Amino acid sequence: GPAYLTILIVGHLMAPLLHVMFVNFRPDPLVLATTFTIGCVGLSLYLLPRLKGAVVAFQWARRMHGFGTAD
């Protein structure tokens, strides 16, 4: 669902960035961990409601269960 997509996107964005930052700049580990923790949480909080809306919109467009009237 939306949580899986959020984790997938955040992981794919942050992992290469973490590698580049560590290899090129070698910041203090605590600074690196704090920065990336804040970045991951912020990006997750930004993406999660938007991805949930996209999943619900996809389900609604495909007329999946839960959106019709009980006849």
N, C-alpha and C. Protein backbone atom coordinates (compact mmCIF):
# COMPACT_ATOMS: atom_id res chain seq x y z
N GLY A 1 0.80 -1.18 0.00
CA GLY A 1 0.00 0.00 0.00
C GLY A 1 0.85 1.26 0.00
N PRO A 2 0.29 2.34 0.46
CA PRO A 2 0.98 3.63 0.46
C PRO A 2 2.24 3.65 1.34
N ALA A 3 2.21 2.94 2.46
CA ALA A 3 3.39 2.93 3.33
C ALA A 3 4.56 2.23 2.64
N TYR A 4 4.27 1.13 1.95
CA TYR A 4 5.32 0.43 1.22
C TYR A 4 5.91 1.32 0.14
N LEU A 5 5.06 2.01 -0.60
CA LEU A 5 5.55 2.91 -1.65
C LEU A 5 6.38 4.05 -1.06
N THR A 6 5.96 4.57 0.08
CA THR A 6 6.72 5.64 0.73
C THR A 6 8.11 5.17 1.14
N ILE A 7 8.18 4.00 1.76
CA ILE A 7 9.47 3.45 2.16
C ILE A 7 10.35 3.19 0.95
N LEU A 8 9.76 2.67 -0.11
CA LEU A 8 10.51 2.39 -1.33
C LEU A 8 11.10 3.66 -1.93
N ILE A 9 10.31 4.70 -2.04
CA ILE A 9 10.77 5.95 -2.65
C ILE A 9 11.80 6.64 -1.75
N VAL A 10 11.51 6.74 -0.46
CA VAL A 10 12.45 7.40 0.45
C VAL A 10 13.78 6.64 0.49
N GLY A 11 13.72 5.34 0.52
CA GLY A 11 14.95 4.55 0.51
C GLY A 11 15.77 4.74 -0.75
N HIS A 12 15.08 4.77 -1.89
CA HIS A 12 15.79 4.94 -3.15
C HIS A 12 16.34 6.36 -3.33
N LEU A 13 15.75 7.33 -2.67
CA LEU A 13 16.28 8.70 -2.74
C LEU A 13 17.40 8.93 -1.73
N MET A 14 17.25 8.39 -0.54
CA MET A 14 18.21 8.69 0.52
C MET A 14 19.46 7.82 0.49
N ALA A 15 19.37 6.58 0.04
CA ALA A 15 20.54 5.70 0.05
C ALA A 15 21.68 6.22 -0.83
N PRO A 16 21.43 6.61 -2.09
CA PRO A 16 22.54 7.16 -2.88
C PRO A 16 23.06 8.48 -2.30
N LEU A 17 22.16 9.28 -1.76
CA LEU A 17 22.58 10.55 -1.16
C LEU A 17 23.47 10.30 0.07
N LEU A 18 23.11 9.31 0.86
CA LEU A 18 23.92 8.94 2.02
C LEU A 18 25.31 8.49 1.58
N HIS A 19 25.37 7.69 0.54
CA HIS A 19 26.65 7.21 0.02
C HIS A 19 27.52 8.37 -0.47
N VAL A 20 26.93 9.27 -1.24
CA VAL A 20 27.68 10.41 -1.78
C VAL A 20 28.18 11.31 -0.65
N MET A 21 27.33 11.58 0.32
CA MET A 21 27.73 12.44 1.44
C MET A 21 28.87 11.79 2.24
N PHE A 22 28.77 10.50 2.48
CA PHE A 22 29.80 9.83 3.28
C PHE A 22 31.12 9.76 2.54
N VAL A 23 31.09 9.44 1.27
CA VAL A 23 32.33 9.29 0.50
C VAL A 23 33.00 10.63 0.25
N ASN A 24 32.24 11.65 -0.10
CA ASN A 24 32.84 12.93 -0.49
C ASN A 24 33.15 13.86 0.68
N PHE A 25 32.33 13.86 1.70
CA PHE A 25 32.48 14.87 2.75
C PHE A 25 32.92 14.31 4.10
N ARG A 26 32.68 13.05 4.38
CA ARG A 26 33.03 12.40 5.65
C ARG A 26 32.63 13.23 6.88
N PRO A 27 31.33 13.55 7.01
CA PRO A 27 30.91 14.30 8.20
C PRO A 27 30.96 13.43 9.45
N ASP A 28 30.85 14.05 10.58
CA ASP A 28 30.79 13.33 11.85
C ASP A 28 29.59 12.38 11.81
N PRO A 29 29.74 11.15 12.29
CA PRO A 29 28.63 10.19 12.22
C PRO A 29 27.33 10.67 12.87
N LEU A 30 27.44 11.38 13.98
CA LEU A 30 26.24 11.87 14.65
C LEU A 30 25.53 12.93 13.80
N VAL A 31 26.30 13.79 13.17
CA VAL A 31 25.72 14.81 12.28
C VAL A 31 25.06 14.14 11.09
N LEU A 32 25.73 13.15 10.51
CA LEU A 32 25.18 12.43 9.36
C LEU A 32 23.88 11.71 9.73
N ALA A 33 23.89 11.00 10.86
CA ALA A 33 22.70 10.27 11.30
C ALA A 33 21.55 11.22 11.61
N THR A 34 21.84 12.32 12.27
CA THR A 34 20.79 13.29 12.61
C THR A 34 20.20 13.92 11.35
N THR A 35 21.07 14.31 10.44
CA THR A 35 20.62 14.93 9.19
C THR A 35 19.74 13.98 8.39
N PHE A 36 20.18 12.75 8.24
CA PHE A 36 19.41 11.82 7.43
C PHE A 36 18.16 11.32 8.14
N THR A 37 18.17 11.29 9.45
CA THR A 37 16.94 10.95 10.18
C THR A 37 15.88 12.02 9.96
N ILE A 38 16.28 13.27 10.10
CA ILE A 38 15.34 14.38 9.86
C ILE A 38 14.87 14.38 8.41
N GLY A 39 15.79 14.13 7.49
CA GLY A 39 15.42 14.08 6.07
C GLY A 39 14.45 12.96 5.75
N CYS A 40 14.71 11.78 6.30
CA CYS A 40 13.82 10.63 6.05
C CYS A 40 12.43 10.86 6.65
N VAL A 41 12.38 11.36 7.86
CA VAL A 41 11.08 11.62 8.49
C VAL A 41 10.32 12.70 7.74
N GLY A 42 11.01 13.77 7.38
CA GLY A 42 10.36 14.85 6.65
C GLY A 42 9.84 14.41 5.29
N LEU A 43 10.67 13.67 4.56
CA LEU A 43 10.25 13.19 3.25
C LEU A 43 9.11 12.18 3.36
N SER A 44 9.15 11.34 4.38
CA SER A 44 8.07 10.38 4.59
C SER A 44 6.76 11.08 4.92
N LEU A 45 6.81 12.08 5.79
CA LEU A 45 5.60 12.82 6.14
C LEU A 45 5.05 13.61 4.95
N TYR A 46 5.92 14.03 4.06
CA TYR A 46 5.47 14.73 2.86
C TYR A 46 4.84 13.77 1.85
N LEU A 47 5.47 12.61 1.65
CA LEU A 47 5.02 11.70 0.60
C LEU A 47 3.82 10.83 0.99
N LEU A 48 3.72 10.44 2.25
CA LEU A 48 2.70 9.47 2.64
C LEU A 48 1.27 9.89 2.30
N PRO A 49 0.81 11.09 2.64
CA PRO A 49 -0.58 11.43 2.28
C PRO A 49 -0.80 11.54 0.77
N ARG A 50 0.22 11.97 0.04
CA ARG A 50 0.08 12.08 -1.41
C ARG A 50 0.01 10.71 -2.07
N LEU A 51 0.83 9.77 -1.59
CA LEU A 51 0.80 8.42 -2.14
C LEU A 51 -0.49 7.70 -1.73
N LYS A 52 -0.99 7.97 -0.53
CA LYS A 52 -2.26 7.37 -0.13
C LYS A 52 -3.38 7.87 -1.03
N GLY A 53 -3.37 9.16 -1.32
CA GLY A 53 -4.36 9.71 -2.24
C GLY A 53 -4.25 9.10 -3.62
N ALA A 54 -3.03 8.87 -4.08
CA ALA A 54 -2.84 8.26 -5.40
C ALA A 54 -3.34 6.82 -5.43
N VAL A 55 -3.10 6.07 -4.36
CA VAL A 55 -3.58 4.69 -4.30
C VAL A 55 -5.10 4.64 -4.25
N VAL A 56 -5.71 5.50 -3.44
CA VAL A 56 -7.18 5.54 -3.36
C VAL A 56 -7.76 5.98 -4.70
N ALA A 57 -7.15 6.95 -5.36
CA ALA A 57 -7.63 7.39 -6.67
C ALA A 57 -7.52 6.28 -7.70
N PHE A 58 -6.43 5.51 -7.65
CA PHE A 58 -6.27 4.38 -8.56
C PHE A 58 -7.35 3.33 -8.32
N GLN A 59 -7.61 3.03 -7.04
CA GLN A 59 -8.65 2.06 -6.72
C GLN A 59 -10.02 2.56 -7.16
N TRP A 60 -10.29 3.82 -6.96
CA TRP A 60 -11.58 4.39 -7.36
C TRP A 60 -11.73 4.35 -8.87
N ALA A 61 -10.67 4.69 -9.60
CA ALA A 61 -10.74 4.71 -11.07
C ALA A 61 -10.94 3.31 -11.63
N ARG A 62 -10.40 2.31 -10.96
CA ARG A 62 -10.55 0.91 -11.40
C ARG A 62 -11.81 0.26 -10.86
N ARG A 63 -12.62 1.03 -10.15
CA ARG A 63 -13.87 0.55 -9.56
C ARG A 63 -13.66 -0.68 -8.67
N MET A 64 -12.65 -0.59 -7.83
CA MET A 64 -12.39 -1.67 -6.88
C MET A 64 -13.36 -1.56 -5.72
N HIS A 65 -13.40 -2.57 -4.86
CA HIS A 65 -14.41 -2.63 -3.80
C HIS A 65 -14.30 -1.46 -2.84
N GLY A 66 -15.44 -1.13 -2.23
CA GLY A 66 -15.47 -0.11 -1.20
C GLY A 66 -15.96 1.25 -1.67
N PHE A 67 -16.19 1.43 -2.96
CA PHE A 67 -16.61 2.73 -3.46
C PHE A 67 -18.01 2.72 -4.07
N GLY A 68 -18.57 1.55 -4.29
CA GLY A 68 -19.88 1.47 -4.91
C GLY A 68 -21.00 1.52 -3.89
N THR A 69 -22.21 1.64 -4.40
CA THR A 69 -23.37 1.61 -3.53
C THR A 69 -23.86 0.18 -3.40
N ALA A 70 -24.40 -0.13 -2.26
CA ALA A 70 -24.93 -1.48 -2.03
C ALA A 70 -26.33 -1.57 -2.64
N ASP A 71 -26.45 -2.34 -3.69
CA ASP A 71 -27.75 -2.49 -4.37
C ASP A 71 -28.45 -3.76 -3.98
